[in-house]
């Protein structure tokens, strides 16, 4: 589904991502874990060209991503951000329908019908007419997931989707993500939720200092880590 080769990214002299190779298979849930500043989110943003890599190539569904086909490729890859990025002046329903109507040219009535189905999926069907200011953080993130699904993506990229939430709201978002995984959605998730990665991921990558240090199944990563850096990271997460 995604194949990235030799991805590099610099910021003001900082080499944030150092020649990373990554693949995501159709139907796979791939989690990326690692300390803050390890390059996880930057790598994710390079995959859909929110950050333009300084080196390397990205293929989506076997097709190289270029400036000419970038918008077409982005319709295949939805992204859910840390801080929701909802339009504050639009209702929940309008936040979900605006892209299908204006980007994909869907008829407004059909887009609204699908949006209501998606709100039911994320447990917020009664919030269609509400504005983001009237929602909790967990509700905003579930709306953001519904908005991503409204574009019928082939893969969803999640960038620390629970990091801005109060602890009691984390579970409601993770439950929706688990449901998507069970339904076969291809997902690439940057997360600090180790329990989610261990339970839901098919494969886990551990990044540190801009490179992939270790990768494997959740059992290999969490129960049998090989590198001293991963052992140290997991120990610190357990203490936290």
C-alpha atoms as a PDB file:
ATOM      1  CA  UNK A   1       0.000   0.000   0.000  1.00  0.00           C
ATOM      2  CA  UNK A   2       2.852   2.362   0.903  1.00  0.00           C
ATOM      3  CA  UNK A   3       6.520   1.887   0.098  1.00  0.00           C
ATOM      4  CA  UNK A   4       8.979   4.567   1.127  1.00  0.00           C
ATOM      5  CA  UNK A   5      12.677   4.218   0.365  1.00  0.00           C
ATOM      6  CA  UNK A   6      15.594   6.231   1.709  1.00  0.00           C
ATOM      7  CA  UNK A   7      13.549   9.034   3.283  1.00  0.00           C
ATOM      8  CA  UNK A   8      15.626  11.948   4.583  1.00  0.00           C
ATOM      9  CA  UNK A   9      14.394  15.171   6.164  1.00  0.00           C
ATOM     10  CA  UNK A  10      16.379  18.096   7.597  1.00  0.00           C
ATOM     11  CA  UNK A  11      15.187  21.067   9.654  1.00  0.00           C
ATOM     12  CA  UNK A  12      17.605  23.957  10.225  1.00  0.00           C
ATOM     13  CA  UNK A  13      20.604  21.679  10.404  1.00  0.00           C
ATOM     14  CA  UNK A  14      18.804  18.914  12.289  1.00  0.00           C
ATOM     15  CA  UNK A  15      18.745  15.585  10.423  1.00  0.00           C
ATOM     16  CA  UNK A  16      15.312  14.488  11.641  1.00  0.00           C
ATOM     17  CA  UNK A  17      14.830  11.400   9.426  1.00  0.00           C
ATOM     18  CA  UNK A  18      17.907   9.533   8.221  1.00  0.00           C
ATOM     19  CA  UNK A  19      17.368   7.332   5.191  1.00  0.00           C
ATOM     20  CA  UNK A  20      14.361   5.416   6.481  1.00  0.00           C
ATOM     21  CA  UNK A  21      12.764   2.575   4.493  1.00  0.00           C
ATOM     22  CA  UNK A  22       9.186   1.627   5.372  1.00  0.00           C
ATOM     23  CA  UNK A  23       6.404  -0.483   3.860  1.00  0.00           C
ATOM     24  CA  UNK A  24       2.766  -0.794   4.829  1.00  0.00           C
ATOM     25  CA  UNK A  25       0.842  -3.729   3.411  1.00  0.00           C
ATOM     26  CA  UNK A  26      -2.830  -3.734   2.461  1.00  0.00           C
ATOM     27  CA  UNK A  27      -4.938  -4.344   5.582  1.00  0.00           C
ATOM     28  CA  UNK A  28      -1.960  -4.025   7.935  1.00  0.00           C
ATOM     29  CA  UNK A  29      -1.908  -2.070  11.191  1.00  0.00           C
ATOM     30  CA  UNK A  30       1.620  -0.732  11.599  1.00  0.00           C
ATOM     31  CA  UNK A  31       2.523   1.173  14.770  1.00  0.00           C
ATOM     32  CA  UNK A  32       5.566   3.404  15.141  1.00  0.00           C
ATOM     33  CA  UNK A  33       6.811   3.961  18.676  1.00  0.00           C
ATOM     34  CA  UNK A  34       9.779   5.833  20.093  1.00  0.00           C
ATOM     35  CA  UNK A  35      10.804   8.783  22.259  1.00  0.00           C
ATOM     36  CA  UNK A  36       9.867  12.380  21.521  1.00  0.00           C
ATOM     37  CA  UNK A  37      12.064  13.864  18.826  1.00  0.00           C
ATOM     38  CA  UNK A  38      12.903  10.493  17.268  1.00  0.00           C
ATOM     39  CA  UNK A  39      11.449  11.444  13.855  1.00  0.00           C
ATOM     40  CA  UNK A  40       8.191   9.480  14.025  1.00  0.00           C
ATOM     41  CA  UNK A  41       5.766  12.282  13.165  1.00  0.00           C
ATOM     42  CA  UNK A  42       8.145  13.798  10.619  1.00  0.00           C
ATOM     43  CA  UNK A  43       8.346  10.459   8.822  1.00  0.00           C
ATOM     44  CA  UNK A  44       4.556  10.217   8.794  1.00  0.00           C
ATOM     45  CA  UNK A  45       4.209  13.713   7.343  1.00  0.00           C
ATOM     46  CA  UNK A  46       6.784  12.885   4.667  1.00  0.00           C
ATOM     47  CA  UNK A  47       4.656   9.964   3.483  1.00  0.00           C
ATOM     48  CA  UNK A  48       1.779  12.225   2.420  1.00  0.00           C
ATOM     49  CA  UNK A  49       4.073  15.136   1.562  1.00  0.00           C
ATOM     50  CA  UNK A  50       2.926  17.509   4.285  1.00  0.00           C
ATOM     51  CA  UNK A  51       6.693  17.657   4.676  1.00  0.00           C
ATOM     52  CA  UNK A  52       8.605  17.318   1.427  1.00  0.00           C
ATOM     53  CA  UNK A  53      11.466  14.815   1.918  1.00  0.00           C
ATOM     54  CA  UNK A  54      14.975  16.021   1.147  1.00  0.00           C
ATOM     55  CA  UNK A  55      15.736  12.599  -0.285  1.00  0.00           C
ATOM     56  CA  UNK A  56      14.056   9.304  -1.050  1.00  0.00           C
ATOM     57  CA  UNK A  57      10.900   8.156  -2.805  1.00  0.00           C
ATOM     58  CA  UNK A  58       7.325   7.365  -1.764  1.00  0.00           C
ATOM     59  CA  UNK A  59       5.024   4.994  -3.637  1.00  0.00           C
ATOM     60  CA  UNK A  60       1.310   4.603  -2.907  1.00  0.00           C
ATOM     61  CA  UNK A  61      -0.465   1.599  -4.370  1.00  0.00           C
ATOM     62  CA  UNK A  62       2.511   0.991  -6.671  1.00  0.00           C
ATOM     63  CA  UNK A  63       2.578   4.545  -8.035  1.00  0.00           C
ATOM     64  CA  UNK A  64       5.330   7.053  -7.253  1.00  0.00           C
ATOM     65  CA  UNK A  65       4.122  10.227  -5.565  1.00  0.00           C
ATOM     66  CA  UNK A  66       5.066  13.335  -7.552  1.00  0.00           C
ATOM     67  CA  UNK A  67       4.026  16.980  -7.502  1.00  0.00           C
ATOM     68  CA  UNK A  68       1.801  16.246 -10.487  1.00  0.00           C
ATOM     69  CA  UNK A  69      -0.229  13.467  -8.834  1.00  0.00           C
ATOM     70  CA  UNK A  70       0.066  14.567  -5.188  1.00  0.00           C
ATOM     71  CA  UNK A  71      -3.580  15.551  -4.771  1.00  0.00           C
ATOM     72  CA  UNK A  72      -4.752  12.271  -6.293  1.00  0.00           C
ATOM     73  CA  UNK A  73      -2.445  10.302  -3.981  1.00  0.00           C
ATOM     74  CA  UNK A  74      -3.698  12.234  -0.955  1.00  0.00           C
ATOM     75  CA  UNK A  75      -7.252  11.105  -1.648  1.00  0.00           C
ATOM     76  CA  UNK A  76      -6.004   7.569  -0.939  1.00  0.00           C
ATOM     77  CA  UNK A  77      -4.333   8.563   2.349  1.00  0.00           C
ATOM     78  CA  UNK A  78      -6.343  10.297   5.046  1.00  0.00           C
ATOM     79  CA  UNK A  79      -4.618  11.717   8.102  1.00  0.00           C
ATOM     80  CA  UNK A  80      -5.774  12.162  11.683  1.00  0.00           C
ATOM     81  CA  UNK A  81      -3.767  14.775  13.583  1.00  0.00           C
ATOM     82  CA  UNK A  82      -2.890  15.288  17.242  1.00  0.00           C
ATOM     83  CA  UNK A  83      -4.973  18.431  17.574  1.00  0.00           C
ATOM     84  CA  UNK A  84      -8.082  17.496  15.563  1.00  0.00           C
ATOM     85  CA  UNK A  85      -7.867  20.369  12.991  1.00  0.00           C
ATOM     86  CA  UNK A  86     -11.657  20.765  12.844  1.00  0.00           C
ATOM     87  CA  UNK A  87     -13.176  23.922  11.385  1.00  0.00           C
ATOM     88  CA  UNK A  88     -14.534  25.779  14.422  1.00  0.00           C
ATOM     89  CA  UNK A  89     -17.166  27.709  12.422  1.00  0.00           C
ATOM     90  CA  UNK A  90     -18.708  24.551  10.916  1.00  0.00           C
ATOM     91  CA  UNK A  91     -20.995  21.998  12.520  1.00  0.00           C
ATOM     92  CA  UNK A  92     -19.821  18.438  12.999  1.00  0.00           C
ATOM     93  CA  UNK A  93     -21.841  17.359   9.955  1.00  0.00           C
ATOM     94  CA  UNK A  94     -20.360  20.110   7.786  1.00  0.00           C
ATOM     95  CA  UNK A  95     -16.817  19.305   8.977  1.00  0.00           C
ATOM     96  CA  UNK A  96     -17.292  15.753   7.711  1.00  0.00           C
ATOM     97  CA  UNK A  97     -18.983  16.619   4.396  1.00  0.00           C
ATOM     98  CA  UNK A  98     -16.918  19.595   3.247  1.00  0.00           C
ATOM     99  CA  UNK A  99     -14.101  17.562   1.653  1.00  0.00           C
ATOM    100  CA  UNK A 100     -16.280  14.909  -0.050  1.00  0.00           C
ATOM    101  CA  UNK A 101     -18.460  17.671  -1.554  1.00  0.00           C
ATOM    102  CA  UNK A 102     -15.761  20.157  -2.565  1.00  0.00           C
ATOM    103  CA  UNK A 103     -12.815  17.836  -3.290  1.00  0.00           C
ATOM    104  CA  UNK A 104     -14.503  14.688  -4.609  1.00  0.00           C
ATOM    105  CA  UNK A 105     -17.616  16.364  -6.015  1.00  0.00           C
ATOM    106  CA  UNK A 106     -20.136  14.276  -4.078  1.00  0.00           C
ATOM    107  CA  UNK A 107     -23.761  15.383  -3.985  1.00  0.00           C
ATOM    108  CA  UNK A 108     -24.444  17.127  -0.675  1.00  0.00           C
ATOM    109  CA  UNK A 109     -27.373  14.918   0.321  1.00  0.00           C
ATOM    110  CA  UNK A 110     -25.424  11.722  -0.270  1.00  0.00           C
ATOM    111  CA  UNK A 111     -22.397  13.111   1.590  1.00  0.00           C
ATOM    112  CA  UNK A 112     -24.582  14.014   4.564  1.00  0.00           C
ATOM    113  CA  UNK A 113     -26.188  10.571   4.627  1.00  0.00           C
ATOM    114  CA  UNK A 114     -22.762   8.936   4.692  1.00  0.00           C
ATOM    115  CA  UNK A 115     -21.560  11.398   7.346  1.00  0.00           C
ATOM    116  CA  UNK A 116     -24.444  10.411   9.621  1.00  0.00           C
ATOM    117  CA  UNK A 117     -23.548   6.737   9.159  1.00  0.00           C
ATOM    118  CA  UNK A 118     -19.946   7.531  10.084  1.00  0.00           C
ATOM    119  CA  UNK A 119     -21.044   9.473  13.158  1.00  0.00           C
ATOM    120  CA  UNK A 120     -23.000   6.417  14.210  1.00  0.00           C
ATOM    121  CA  UNK A 121     -19.861   4.314  13.691  1.00  0.00           C
ATOM    122  CA  UNK A 122     -17.864   6.552  16.061  1.00  0.00           C
ATOM    123  CA  UNK A 123     -20.731   6.844  18.546  1.00  0.00           C
ATOM    124  CA  UNK A 124     -21.610  10.488  17.930  1.00  0.00           C
ATOM    125  CA  UNK A 125     -24.763  10.407  15.825  1.00  0.00           C
ATOM    126  CA  UNK A 126     -26.472  12.868  18.187  1.00  0.00           C
ATOM    127  CA  UNK A 127     -23.713  15.483  17.648  1.00  0.00           C
ATOM    128  CA  UNK A 128     -24.301  16.174  13.943  1.00  0.00           C
ATOM    129  CA  UNK A 129     -25.508  19.724  14.566  1.00  0.00           C
ATOM    130  CA  UNK A 130     -23.011  20.583  17.298  1.00  0.00           C
ATOM    131  CA  UNK A 131     -19.976  22.837  16.891  1.00  0.00           C
ATOM    132  CA  UNK A 132     -16.457  21.735  17.870  1.00  0.00           C
ATOM    133  CA  UNK A 133     -16.423  24.156  20.828  1.00  0.00           C
ATOM    134  CA  UNK A 134     -19.233  22.111  22.397  1.00  0.00           C
ATOM    135  CA  UNK A 135     -17.340  18.801  22.164  1.00  0.00           C
ATOM    136  CA  UNK A 136     -14.842  17.135  24.471  1.00  0.00           C
ATOM    137  CA  UNK A 137     -11.376  16.352  23.176  1.00  0.00           C
ATOM    138  CA  UNK A 138     -12.256  12.701  22.717  1.00  0.00           C
ATOM    139  CA  UNK A 139     -15.396  13.623  20.787  1.00  0.00           C
ATOM    140  CA  UNK A 140     -13.426  16.001  18.546  1.00  0.00           C
ATOM    141  CA  UNK A 141     -10.949  13.261  17.722  1.00  0.00           C
ATOM    142  CA  UNK A 142     -13.736  10.810  16.905  1.00  0.00           C
ATOM    143  CA  UNK A 143     -15.233  13.432  14.570  1.00  0.00           C
ATOM    144  CA  UNK A 144     -11.790  13.799  12.978  1.00  0.00           C
ATOM    145  CA  UNK A 145     -11.697  10.045  12.378  1.00  0.00           C
ATOM    146  CA  UNK A 146     -15.175  10.176  10.812  1.00  0.00           C
ATOM    147  CA  UNK A 147     -14.008  13.053   8.614  1.00  0.00           C
ATOM    148  CA  UNK A 148     -11.030  10.975   7.454  1.00  0.00           C
ATOM    149  CA  UNK A 149     -13.265   8.001   6.666  1.00  0.00           C
ATOM    150  CA  UNK A 150     -15.634  10.192   4.646  1.00  0.00           C
ATOM    151  CA  UNK A 151     -13.033  10.392   1.877  1.00  0.00           C
ATOM    152  CA  UNK A 152     -13.026   6.584   1.443  1.00  0.00           C
ATOM    153  CA  UNK A 153      -9.264   6.345   1.979  1.00  0.00           C
ATOM    154  CA  UNK A 154      -7.274   3.193   1.349  1.00  0.00           C
ATOM    155  CA  UNK A 155      -5.060   3.976   4.345  1.00  0.00           C
ATOM    156  CA  UNK A 156      -5.328   6.244   7.380  1.00  0.00           C
ATOM    157  CA  UNK A 157      -2.254   7.842   8.947  1.00  0.00           C
ATOM    158  CA  UNK A 158      -2.659   8.602  12.666  1.00  0.00           C
ATOM    159  CA  UNK A 159      -0.211  11.089  14.197  1.00  0.00           C
ATOM    160  CA  UNK A 160      -0.287  10.608  18.001  1.00  0.00           C
ATOM    161  CA  UNK A 161      -4.122  10.676  17.934  1.00  0.00           C
ATOM    162  CA  UNK A 162      -4.503  10.528  21.734  1.00  0.00           C
ATOM    163  CA  UNK A 163      -1.613  12.732  22.872  1.00  0.00           C
ATOM    164  CA  UNK A 164      -3.757  15.863  23.274  1.00  0.00           C
ATOM    165  CA  UNK A 165      -6.495  14.082  25.223  1.00  0.00           C
ATOM    166  CA  UNK A 166      -7.207  13.860  28.914  1.00  0.00           C
ATOM    167  CA  UNK A 167      -6.484  10.307  30.124  1.00  0.00           C
ATOM    168  CA  UNK A 168     -10.152   9.395  30.588  1.00  0.00           C
ATOM    169  CA  UNK A 169     -10.880  10.264  26.939  1.00  0.00           C
ATOM    170  CA  UNK A 170      -8.111   8.137  25.425  1.00  0.00           C
ATOM    171  CA  UNK A 171     -10.074   4.890  25.587  1.00  0.00           C
ATOM    172  CA  UNK A 172     -13.020   6.128  23.517  1.00  0.00           C
ATOM    173  CA  UNK A 173     -10.697   7.068  20.642  1.00  0.00           C
ATOM    174  CA  UNK A 174      -8.676   3.851  20.835  1.00  0.00           C
ATOM    175  CA  UNK A 175     -11.915   1.842  20.803  1.00  0.00           C
ATOM    176  CA  UNK A 176     -12.864   3.419  17.457  1.00  0.00           C
ATOM    177  CA  UNK A 177      -9.394   2.690  16.077  1.00  0.00           C
ATOM    178  CA  UNK A 178      -9.628  -0.932  17.235  1.00  0.00           C
ATOM    179  CA  UNK A 179     -12.966  -1.220  15.448  1.00  0.00           C
ATOM    180  CA  UNK A 180     -11.408   0.079  12.216  1.00  0.00           C
ATOM    181  CA  UNK A 181      -8.551  -2.417  12.551  1.00  0.00           C
ATOM    182  CA  UNK A 182     -11.013  -5.270  13.013  1.00  0.00           C
ATOM    183  CA  UNK A 183     -12.792  -4.181   9.825  1.00  0.00           C
ATOM    184  CA  UNK A 184      -9.543  -4.401   7.847  1.00  0.00           C
ATOM    185  CA  UNK A 185      -8.617  -0.723   7.474  1.00  0.00           C
ATOM    186  CA  UNK A 186      -4.959  -0.195   6.602  1.00  0.00           C
ATOM    187  CA  UNK A 187      -3.522   1.984   9.351  1.00  0.00           C
ATOM    188  CA  UNK A 188      -0.150   3.551  10.109  1.00  0.00           C
ATOM    189  CA  UNK A 189      -0.173   4.821  13.679  1.00  0.00           C
ATOM    190  CA  UNK A 190       2.428   6.927  15.453  1.00  0.00           C
ATOM    191  CA  UNK A 191       1.568   6.379  19.103  1.00  0.00           C
ATOM    192  CA  UNK A 192       2.793   6.394  22.666  1.00  0.00           C
ATOM    193  CA  UNK A 193      -0.023   4.034  23.701  1.00  0.00           C
ATOM    194  CA  UNK A 194       1.993   0.866  24.199  1.00  0.00           C
ATOM    195  CA  UNK A 195      -1.050  -1.213  25.144  1.00  0.00           C
ATOM    196  CA  UNK A 196      -2.776  -0.314  21.879  1.00  0.00           C
ATOM    197  CA  UNK A 197       0.322  -1.155  19.839  1.00  0.00           C
ATOM    198  CA  UNK A 198       0.743  -4.471  21.612  1.00  0.00           C
ATOM    199  CA  UNK A 199      -2.902  -5.456  21.193  1.00  0.00           C
ATOM    200  CA  UNK A 200      -3.785  -4.163  17.728  1.00  0.00           C
ATOM    201  CA  UNK A 201      -0.639  -3.829  15.611  1.00  0.00           C
ATOM    202  CA  UNK A 202       0.433  -6.459  13.123  1.00  0.00           C
ATOM    203  CA  UNK A 203       3.928  -4.958  13.162  1.00  0.00           C
ATOM    204  CA  UNK A 204       5.730  -2.399  15.330  1.00  0.00           C
ATOM    205  CA  UNK A 205       8.640  -0.125  14.399  1.00  0.00           C
ATOM    206  CA  UNK A 206      10.813   1.466  17.082  1.00  0.00           C
ATOM    207  CA  UNK A 207      12.442   4.734  15.989  1.00  0.00           C
ATOM    208  CA  UNK A 208      15.173   6.693  17.724  1.00  0.00           C
ATOM    209  CA  UNK A 209      17.367   9.523  16.501  1.00  0.00           C
ATOM    210  CA  UNK A 210      15.850   9.505  13.017  1.00  0.00           C
ATOM    211  CA  UNK A 211      16.300   5.818  12.217  1.00  0.00           C
ATOM    212  CA  UNK A 212      14.396   2.561  12.686  1.00  0.00           C
ATOM    213  CA  UNK A 213      16.294   0.761  15.436  1.00  0.00           C
ATOM    214  CA  UNK A 214      14.147  -2.356  15.608  1.00  0.00           C
ATOM    215  CA  UNK A 215      11.021  -3.785  14.021  1.00  0.00           C
ATOM    216  CA  UNK A 216       8.944  -6.916  14.463  1.00  0.00           C
ATOM    217  CA  UNK A 217       5.702  -8.324  15.737  1.00  0.00           C
ATOM    218  CA  UNK A 218       4.303  -6.871  18.966  1.00  0.00           C
ATOM    219  CA  UNK A 219       5.499  -9.996  20.752  1.00  0.00           C
ATOM    220  CA  UNK A 220       9.044  -9.552  19.430  1.00  0.00           C
ATOM    221  CA  UNK A 221       9.175  -5.850  20.242  1.00  0.00           C
ATOM    222  CA  UNK A 222       7.535  -5.865  23.670  1.00  0.00           C
ATOM    223  CA  UNK A 223       8.379  -9.326  25.004  1.00  0.00           C
ATOM    224  CA  UNK A 224      11.787  -9.914  23.438  1.00  0.00           C
ATOM    225  CA  UNK A 225      13.471  -6.571  22.622  1.00  0.00           C
ATOM    226  CA  UNK A 226      16.984  -6.988  21.263  1.00  0.00           C
ATOM    227  CA  UNK A 227      18.583  -3.531  21.311  1.00  0.00           C
ATOM    228  CA  UNK A 228      19.671  -1.797  24.503  1.00  0.00           C
ATOM    229  CA  UNK A 229      17.917   1.377  23.305  1.00  0.00           C
ATOM    230  CA  UNK A 230      14.541  -0.345  22.949  1.00  0.00           C
ATOM    231  CA  UNK A 231      14.951  -2.090  26.310  1.00  0.00           C
ATOM    232  CA  UNK A 232      15.682   1.290  27.915  1.00  0.00           C
ATOM    233  CA  UNK A 233      12.716   2.954  26.171  1.00  0.00           C
ATOM    234  CA  UNK A 234      10.238   0.251  27.206  1.00  0.00           C
ATOM    235  CA  UNK A 235      11.532   0.376  30.768  1.00  0.00           C
ATOM    236  CA  UNK A 236      10.978   4.138  30.898  1.00  0.00           C
ATOM    237  CA  UNK A 237       7.445   3.752  29.491  1.00  0.00           C
ATOM    238  CA  UNK A 238       6.591   1.165  32.113  1.00  0.00           C
ATOM    239  CA  UNK A 239       7.841   3.487  34.868  1.00  0.00           C
ATOM    240  CA  UNK A 240       5.678   6.270  33.458  1.00  0.00           C
END
